[in-house]
Amino acid sequence: QVPLVESGGGLVQAGGSLRLSCVASGRTFKDAARGWFRQAPGKEREFVAAISRGGEIYYSDSVKGRFTISRDNAKITVSLQMNSLIPSDTAVYYCASTPRTAFFASRDYLSAQSSYNTWGQGTQVTVSS
């Protein structure tokens, strides 16, 4: 059983929207922070957005104002609403979970890949110009 499963990727024209979802299963993620990262072709994987156990939200500068991260009350599903998409948003998007973490966590902590110990398999997002 895969603990984190992403869905919602696809092909969209510039200016369009997509909504990604990440469903957790197999263990309790209620005490963890969750994040989204992405990896474009030929580039390093980078931070996109994260939500702490206590509900703090952080975004990378490149998506701030266009993307919105949210989660359900059961903390099973974390979503990433992506609006005003541009071609440079093209990437494989990964959701991730930290181990049990403090109620509040800093941006530095949640934007670091090393803070996460569980990763999804990724979903492709392609934005055409």
N, C-alpha and C. Protein backbone atom coordinates (compact mmCIF):
# COMPACT_ATOMS: atom_id res chain seq x y z
N GLN A 1 0.85 -1.19 0.00
CA GLN A 1 0.00 0.00 0.00
C GLN A 1 0.88 1.24 0.00
N VAL A 2 0.64 2.11 -0.98
CA VAL A 2 1.41 3.34 -1.08
C VAL A 2 0.85 4.34 -0.09
N PRO A 3 1.68 4.88 0.79
CA PRO A 3 1.16 5.77 1.84
C PRO A 3 0.67 7.12 1.34
N LEU A 4 1.24 7.64 0.26
CA LEU A 4 0.81 8.92 -0.28
C LEU A 4 0.56 8.76 -1.78
N VAL A 5 -0.61 9.12 -2.23
CA VAL A 5 -0.96 8.99 -3.64
C VAL A 5 -1.47 10.31 -4.17
N GLU A 6 -0.76 10.82 -5.19
CA GLU A 6 -1.17 12.08 -5.81
C GLU A 6 -2.09 11.81 -7.00
N SER A 7 -2.92 12.79 -7.29
CA SER A 7 -3.77 12.74 -8.47
C SER A 7 -4.09 14.16 -8.90
N GLY A 8 -4.62 14.30 -10.11
CA GLY A 8 -5.06 15.60 -10.57
C GLY A 8 -4.17 16.28 -11.59
N GLY A 9 -3.03 15.68 -11.88
CA GLY A 9 -2.16 16.28 -12.87
C GLY A 9 -2.74 16.17 -14.27
N GLY A 10 -2.10 16.83 -15.22
CA GLY A 10 -2.57 16.78 -16.59
C GLY A 10 -1.97 17.88 -17.44
N LEU A 11 -2.57 18.06 -18.61
CA LEU A 11 -2.13 19.08 -19.56
C LEU A 11 -3.12 20.23 -19.53
N VAL A 12 -2.62 21.43 -19.41
CA VAL A 12 -3.48 22.62 -19.36
C VAL A 12 -2.80 23.76 -20.10
N GLN A 13 -3.60 24.65 -20.65
CA GLN A 13 -3.03 25.83 -21.31
C GLN A 13 -2.63 26.88 -20.29
N ALA A 14 -1.69 27.70 -20.68
CA ALA A 14 -1.26 28.79 -19.80
C ALA A 14 -2.48 29.63 -19.41
N GLY A 15 -2.52 30.00 -18.14
CA GLY A 15 -3.66 30.74 -17.62
C GLY A 15 -4.73 29.87 -17.01
N GLY A 16 -4.62 28.58 -17.24
CA GLY A 16 -5.61 27.65 -16.72
C GLY A 16 -5.34 27.23 -15.29
N SER A 17 -6.15 26.29 -14.81
CA SER A 17 -6.06 25.83 -13.43
C SER A 17 -6.07 24.32 -13.36
N LEU A 18 -5.46 23.81 -12.32
CA LEU A 18 -5.51 22.39 -11.98
C LEU A 18 -5.57 22.29 -10.47
N ARG A 19 -6.14 21.17 -10.01
CA ARG A 19 -6.18 20.91 -8.58
C ARG A 19 -5.57 19.54 -8.33
N LEU A 20 -4.50 19.52 -7.58
CA LEU A 20 -3.84 18.28 -7.20
C LEU A 20 -4.33 17.83 -5.83
N SER A 21 -4.42 16.52 -5.66
CA SER A 21 -4.79 15.97 -4.38
C SER A 21 -3.76 14.93 -3.96
N CYS A 22 -3.58 14.81 -2.67
CA CYS A 22 -2.67 13.82 -2.11
C CYS A 22 -3.39 13.12 -0.97
N VAL A 23 -3.67 11.85 -1.18
CA VAL A 23 -4.41 11.08 -0.19
C VAL A 23 -3.44 10.20 0.59
N ALA A 24 -3.54 10.27 1.91
CA ALA A 24 -2.68 9.48 2.78
C ALA A 24 -3.40 8.23 3.25
N SER A 25 -2.67 7.15 3.34
CA SER A 25 -3.26 5.91 3.83
C SER A 25 -2.19 5.06 4.50
N GLY A 26 -2.62 4.13 5.31
CA GLY A 26 -1.71 3.15 5.86
C GLY A 26 -1.14 3.52 7.21
N ARG A 27 -1.10 4.77 7.54
CA ARG A 27 -0.65 5.16 8.87
C ARG A 27 -1.26 6.52 9.19
N THR A 28 -1.11 6.93 10.41
CA THR A 28 -1.67 8.21 10.83
C THR A 28 -0.75 9.34 10.42
N PHE A 29 -1.28 10.30 9.69
CA PHE A 29 -0.52 11.47 9.30
C PHE A 29 -1.00 12.71 10.04
N LYS A 30 -1.83 12.50 11.06
CA LYS A 30 -2.42 13.65 11.74
C LYS A 30 -1.40 14.47 12.51
N ASP A 31 -0.29 13.87 12.87
CA ASP A 31 0.73 14.59 13.63
C ASP A 31 1.88 15.04 12.75
N ALA A 32 1.66 15.06 11.45
CA ALA A 32 2.73 15.40 10.52
C ALA A 32 2.40 16.67 9.75
N ALA A 33 3.44 17.30 9.25
CA ALA A 33 3.27 18.38 8.29
C ALA A 33 3.28 17.76 6.90
N ARG A 34 2.67 18.46 5.97
CA ARG A 34 2.59 17.96 4.59
C ARG A 34 3.07 19.03 3.63
N GLY A 35 3.69 18.60 2.58
CA GLY A 35 4.22 19.57 1.62
C GLY A 35 4.07 19.12 0.19
N TRP A 36 4.23 20.06 -0.71
CA TRP A 36 4.28 19.80 -2.15
C TRP A 36 5.62 20.30 -2.67
N PHE A 37 6.23 19.47 -3.49
CA PHE A 37 7.47 19.82 -4.17
C PHE A 37 7.28 19.53 -5.65
N ARG A 38 8.18 20.05 -6.48
CA ARG A 38 8.08 19.76 -7.91
C ARG A 38 9.47 19.66 -8.51
N GLN A 39 9.54 18.91 -9.60
CA GLN A 39 10.81 18.74 -10.30
C GLN A 39 10.57 18.88 -11.79
N ALA A 40 11.14 19.94 -12.34
CA ALA A 40 11.06 20.18 -13.78
C ALA A 40 12.19 19.41 -14.48
N PRO A 41 12.03 19.13 -15.76
CA PRO A 41 13.07 18.40 -16.49
C PRO A 41 14.43 19.09 -16.39
N GLY A 42 15.43 18.33 -16.01
CA GLY A 42 16.78 18.85 -15.94
C GLY A 42 17.06 19.74 -14.74
N LYS A 43 16.11 19.82 -13.82
CA LYS A 43 16.28 20.69 -12.65
C LYS A 43 16.17 19.90 -11.35
N GLU A 44 16.62 20.53 -10.29
CA GLU A 44 16.50 19.93 -8.98
C GLU A 44 15.05 20.02 -8.50
N ARG A 45 14.68 19.10 -7.65
CA ARG A 45 13.35 19.18 -7.03
C ARG A 45 13.32 20.38 -6.11
N GLU A 46 12.22 21.13 -6.15
CA GLU A 46 12.11 22.36 -5.37
C GLU A 46 10.82 22.41 -4.57
N PHE A 47 10.87 23.18 -3.52
CA PHE A 47 9.73 23.39 -2.63
C PHE A 47 8.66 24.21 -3.33
N VAL A 48 7.40 23.84 -3.11
CA VAL A 48 6.27 24.59 -3.66
C VAL A 48 5.41 25.18 -2.53
N ALA A 49 4.93 24.32 -1.64
CA ALA A 49 4.04 24.77 -0.58
C ALA A 49 4.02 23.74 0.53
N ALA A 50 3.67 24.19 1.73
CA ALA A 50 3.58 23.28 2.86
C ALA A 50 2.58 23.79 3.87
N ILE A 51 2.05 22.85 4.65
CA ILE A 51 1.14 23.19 5.73
C ILE A 51 1.59 22.43 6.97
N SER A 52 1.77 23.16 8.06
CA SER A 52 2.26 22.54 9.29
C SER A 52 1.13 21.80 9.99
N ARG A 53 1.48 21.05 11.00
CA ARG A 53 0.50 20.33 11.79
C ARG A 53 -0.52 21.30 12.37
N GLY A 54 -0.05 22.50 12.76
CA GLY A 54 -0.92 23.50 13.34
C GLY A 54 -1.63 24.38 12.34
N GLY A 55 -1.37 24.18 11.06
CA GLY A 55 -2.09 24.91 10.04
C GLY A 55 -1.36 26.09 9.43
N GLU A 56 -0.11 26.31 9.82
CA GLU A 56 0.65 27.38 9.16
C GLU A 56 0.91 26.98 7.71
N ILE A 57 0.88 27.95 6.85
CA ILE A 57 1.05 27.70 5.42
C ILE A 57 2.19 28.52 4.87
N TYR A 58 2.99 27.88 4.03
CA TYR A 58 4.13 28.55 3.40
C TYR A 58 4.12 28.23 1.91
N TYR A 59 4.57 29.20 1.13
CA TYR A 59 4.67 29.03 -0.32
C TYR A 59 6.04 29.48 -0.80
N SER A 60 6.46 28.93 -1.91
CA SER A 60 7.64 29.47 -2.57
C SER A 60 7.24 30.79 -3.23
N ASP A 61 8.21 31.65 -3.44
CA ASP A 61 7.91 32.95 -4.05
C ASP A 61 7.35 32.78 -5.45
N SER A 62 7.75 31.73 -6.13
CA SER A 62 7.33 31.57 -7.52
C SER A 62 5.85 31.19 -7.67
N VAL A 63 5.23 30.71 -6.60
CA VAL A 63 3.82 30.31 -6.72
C VAL A 63 2.90 31.11 -5.81
N LYS A 64 3.47 31.93 -4.95
CA LYS A 64 2.67 32.71 -4.01
C LYS A 64 1.67 33.58 -4.76
N GLY A 65 0.42 33.54 -4.32
CA GLY A 65 -0.63 34.32 -4.98
C GLY A 65 -1.34 33.58 -6.09
N ARG A 66 -0.77 32.45 -6.52
CA ARG A 66 -1.39 31.66 -7.58
C ARG A 66 -1.81 30.28 -7.09
N PHE A 67 -1.07 29.71 -6.17
CA PHE A 67 -1.34 28.37 -5.65
C PHE A 67 -1.89 28.48 -4.23
N THR A 68 -2.75 27.52 -3.88
CA THR A 68 -3.31 27.46 -2.53
C THR A 68 -3.25 26.02 -2.04
N ILE A 69 -2.62 25.81 -0.89
CA ILE A 69 -2.58 24.50 -0.27
C ILE A 69 -3.65 24.43 0.79
N SER A 70 -4.29 23.27 0.90
CA SER A 70 -5.32 23.09 1.91
C SER A 70 -5.36 21.61 2.30
N ARG A 71 -6.08 21.32 3.38
CA ARG A 71 -6.23 19.92 3.78
C ARG A 71 -7.60 19.74 4.40
N ASP A 72 -8.05 18.51 4.45
CA ASP A 72 -9.35 18.25 5.07
C ASP A 72 -9.18 18.13 6.59
N ASN A 73 -10.28 18.16 7.30
CA ASN A 73 -10.23 18.17 8.76
C ASN A 73 -9.62 16.89 9.32
N ALA A 74 -9.78 15.80 8.59
CA ALA A 74 -9.22 14.53 9.05
C ALA A 74 -7.73 14.43 8.76
N LYS A 75 -7.20 15.41 8.06
CA LYS A 75 -5.78 15.46 7.70
C LYS A 75 -5.37 14.26 6.87
N ILE A 76 -6.31 13.77 6.07
CA ILE A 76 -6.00 12.66 5.19
C ILE A 76 -5.61 13.16 3.81
N THR A 77 -6.37 14.13 3.29
CA THR A 77 -6.15 14.67 1.96
C THR A 77 -5.60 16.08 2.03
N VAL A 78 -4.51 16.30 1.31
CA VAL A 78 -3.96 17.64 1.15
C VAL A 78 -4.07 18.00 -0.33
N SER A 79 -4.56 19.18 -0.61
CA SER A 79 -4.78 19.60 -1.99
C SER A 79 -3.91 20.80 -2.34
N LEU A 80 -3.67 20.95 -3.61
CA LEU A 80 -2.94 22.11 -4.12
C LEU A 80 -3.73 22.66 -5.30
N GLN A 81 -4.39 23.78 -5.07
CA GLN A 81 -5.13 24.46 -6.13
C GLN A 81 -4.16 25.36 -6.87
N MET A 82 -4.02 25.15 -8.16
CA MET A 82 -3.06 25.90 -8.96
C MET A 82 -3.81 26.72 -10.00
N ASN A 83 -3.73 28.03 -9.87
CA ASN A 83 -4.39 28.94 -10.79
C ASN A 83 -3.35 29.75 -11.57
N SER A 84 -3.79 30.36 -12.63
CA SER A 84 -2.91 31.20 -13.45
C SER A 84 -1.62 30.48 -13.79
N LEU A 85 -1.75 29.25 -14.23
CA LEU A 85 -0.58 28.44 -14.52
C LEU A 85 0.22 29.01 -15.69
N ILE A 86 1.52 28.88 -15.60
CA ILE A 86 2.45 29.34 -16.63
C ILE A 86 3.35 28.18 -17.03
N PRO A 87 3.94 28.26 -18.22
CA PRO A 87 4.75 27.13 -18.70
C PRO A 87 5.85 26.69 -17.73
N SER A 88 6.41 27.60 -16.98
CA SER A 88 7.47 27.24 -16.04
C SER A 88 6.95 26.45 -14.84
N ASP A 89 5.64 26.29 -14.73
CA ASP A 89 5.07 25.43 -13.69
C ASP A 89 5.11 23.96 -14.12
N THR A 90 5.48 23.70 -15.36
CA THR A 90 5.56 22.33 -15.85
C THR A 90 6.58 21.53 -15.05
N ALA A 91 6.13 20.43 -14.48
CA ALA A 91 7.00 19.61 -13.62
C ALA A 91 6.23 18.39 -13.16
N VAL A 92 6.96 17.47 -12.55
CA VAL A 92 6.32 16.40 -11.78
C VAL A 92 6.15 16.92 -10.36
N TYR A 93 4.95 16.85 -9.86
CA TYR A 93 4.62 17.35 -8.54
C TYR A 93 4.53 16.19 -7.55
N TYR A 94 5.21 16.34 -6.43
CA TYR A 94 5.25 15.32 -5.40
C TYR A 94 4.65 15.85 -4.10
N CYS A 95 3.85 15.04 -3.45
CA CYS A 95 3.46 15.39 -2.09
C CYS A 95 4.35 14.61 -1.13
N ALA A 96 4.48 15.14 0.05
CA ALA A 96 5.37 14.54 1.03
C ALA A 96 4.84 14.79 2.43
N SER A 97 5.30 13.95 3.36
CA SER A 97 4.91 14.08 4.75
C SER A 97 6.14 14.00 5.64
N THR A 98 6.13 14.80 6.69
CA THR A 98 7.19 14.72 7.67
C THR A 98 6.88 13.59 8.65
N PRO A 99 7.84 13.21 9.47
CA PRO A 99 7.51 12.36 10.61
C PRO A 99 6.66 13.19 11.59
N ARG A 100 6.28 12.58 12.70
CA ARG A 100 5.56 13.34 13.71
C ARG A 100 6.37 14.59 14.03
N THR A 101 5.71 15.74 14.01
CA THR A 101 6.45 16.98 14.14
C THR A 101 5.76 17.89 15.13
N ALA A 102 6.41 18.98 15.47
CA ALA A 102 5.84 19.95 16.38
C ALA A 102 4.59 20.57 15.78
N PHE A 103 3.75 21.12 16.63
CA PHE A 103 2.48 21.70 16.19
C PHE A 103 2.74 22.82 15.19
N PHE A 104 3.73 23.64 15.47
CA PHE A 104 4.10 24.71 14.55
C PHE A 104 5.52 24.44 14.05
N ALA A 105 5.75 24.75 12.79
CA ALA A 105 7.06 24.52 12.20
C ALA A 105 7.43 25.71 11.34
N SER A 106 8.71 25.97 11.25
CA SER A 106 9.19 27.13 10.51
C SER A 106 9.17 26.87 9.01
N ARG A 107 9.25 27.95 8.26
CA ARG A 107 9.32 27.84 6.81
C ARG A 107 10.61 27.14 6.41
N ASP A 108 11.70 27.47 7.09
CA ASP A 108 12.98 26.83 6.77
C ASP A 108 12.87 25.31 6.91
N TYR A 109 12.18 24.86 7.96
CA TYR A 109 12.05 23.43 8.18
C TYR A 109 11.17 22.80 7.11
N LEU A 110 10.02 23.39 6.83
CA LEU A 110 9.07 22.77 5.91
C LEU A 110 9.43 22.94 4.45
N SER A 111 10.36 23.81 4.14
CA SER A 111 10.77 23.96 2.73
C SER A 111 11.97 23.07 2.40
N ALA A 112 12.48 22.37 3.39
CA ALA A 112 13.64 21.50 3.18
C ALA A 112 13.19 20.07 2.90
N GLN A 113 13.67 19.49 1.82
CA GLN A 113 13.29 18.13 1.47
C GLN A 113 13.71 17.13 2.55
N SER A 114 14.79 17.42 3.21
CA SER A 114 15.31 16.51 4.23
C SER A 114 14.38 16.39 5.44
N SER A 115 13.42 17.29 5.56
CA SER A 115 12.47 17.24 6.68
C SER A 115 11.40 16.18 6.47
N TYR A 116 11.26 15.69 5.27
CA TYR A 116 10.19 14.76 4.90
C TYR A 116 10.71 13.34 4.78
N ASN A 117 9.94 12.39 5.28
CA ASN A 117 10.40 11.00 5.20
C ASN A 117 9.45 10.10 4.40
N THR A 118 8.36 10.67 3.91
CA THR A 118 7.43 9.88 3.11
C THR A 118 7.06 10.70 1.88
N TRP A 119 7.17 10.07 0.71
CA TRP A 119 6.93 10.77 -0.55
C TRP A 119 5.95 9.99 -1.42
N GLY A 120 5.17 10.74 -2.18
CA GLY A 120 4.32 10.11 -3.18
C GLY A 120 5.12 9.82 -4.44
N GLN A 121 4.45 9.22 -5.40
CA GLN A 121 5.13 8.82 -6.63
C GLN A 121 5.15 9.94 -7.67
N GLY A 122 4.40 10.98 -7.46
CA GLY A 122 4.42 12.13 -8.35
C GLY A 122 3.31 12.11 -9.38
N THR A 123 2.93 13.31 -9.79
CA THR A 123 1.94 13.47 -10.85
C THR A 123 2.42 14.56 -11.80
N GLN A 124 2.31 14.31 -13.09
CA GLN A 124 2.84 15.23 -14.10
C GLN A 124 1.87 16.37 -14.34
N VAL A 125 2.41 17.57 -14.34
CA VAL A 125 1.67 18.78 -14.71
C VAL A 125 2.39 19.41 -15.89
N THR A 126 1.68 19.61 -16.98
CA THR A 126 2.25 20.22 -18.16
C THR A 126 1.42 21.42 -18.57
N VAL A 127 2.08 22.58 -18.67
CA VAL A 127 1.40 23.82 -19.02
C VAL A 127 1.91 24.25 -20.39
N SER A 128 1.01 24.31 -21.34
CA SER A 128 1.39 24.70 -22.70
C SER A 128 1.21 26.20 -22.90
N SER A 129 2.04 26.77 -23.74
CA SER A 129 1.98 28.22 -23.98
C SER A 129 1.03 28.55 -25.11
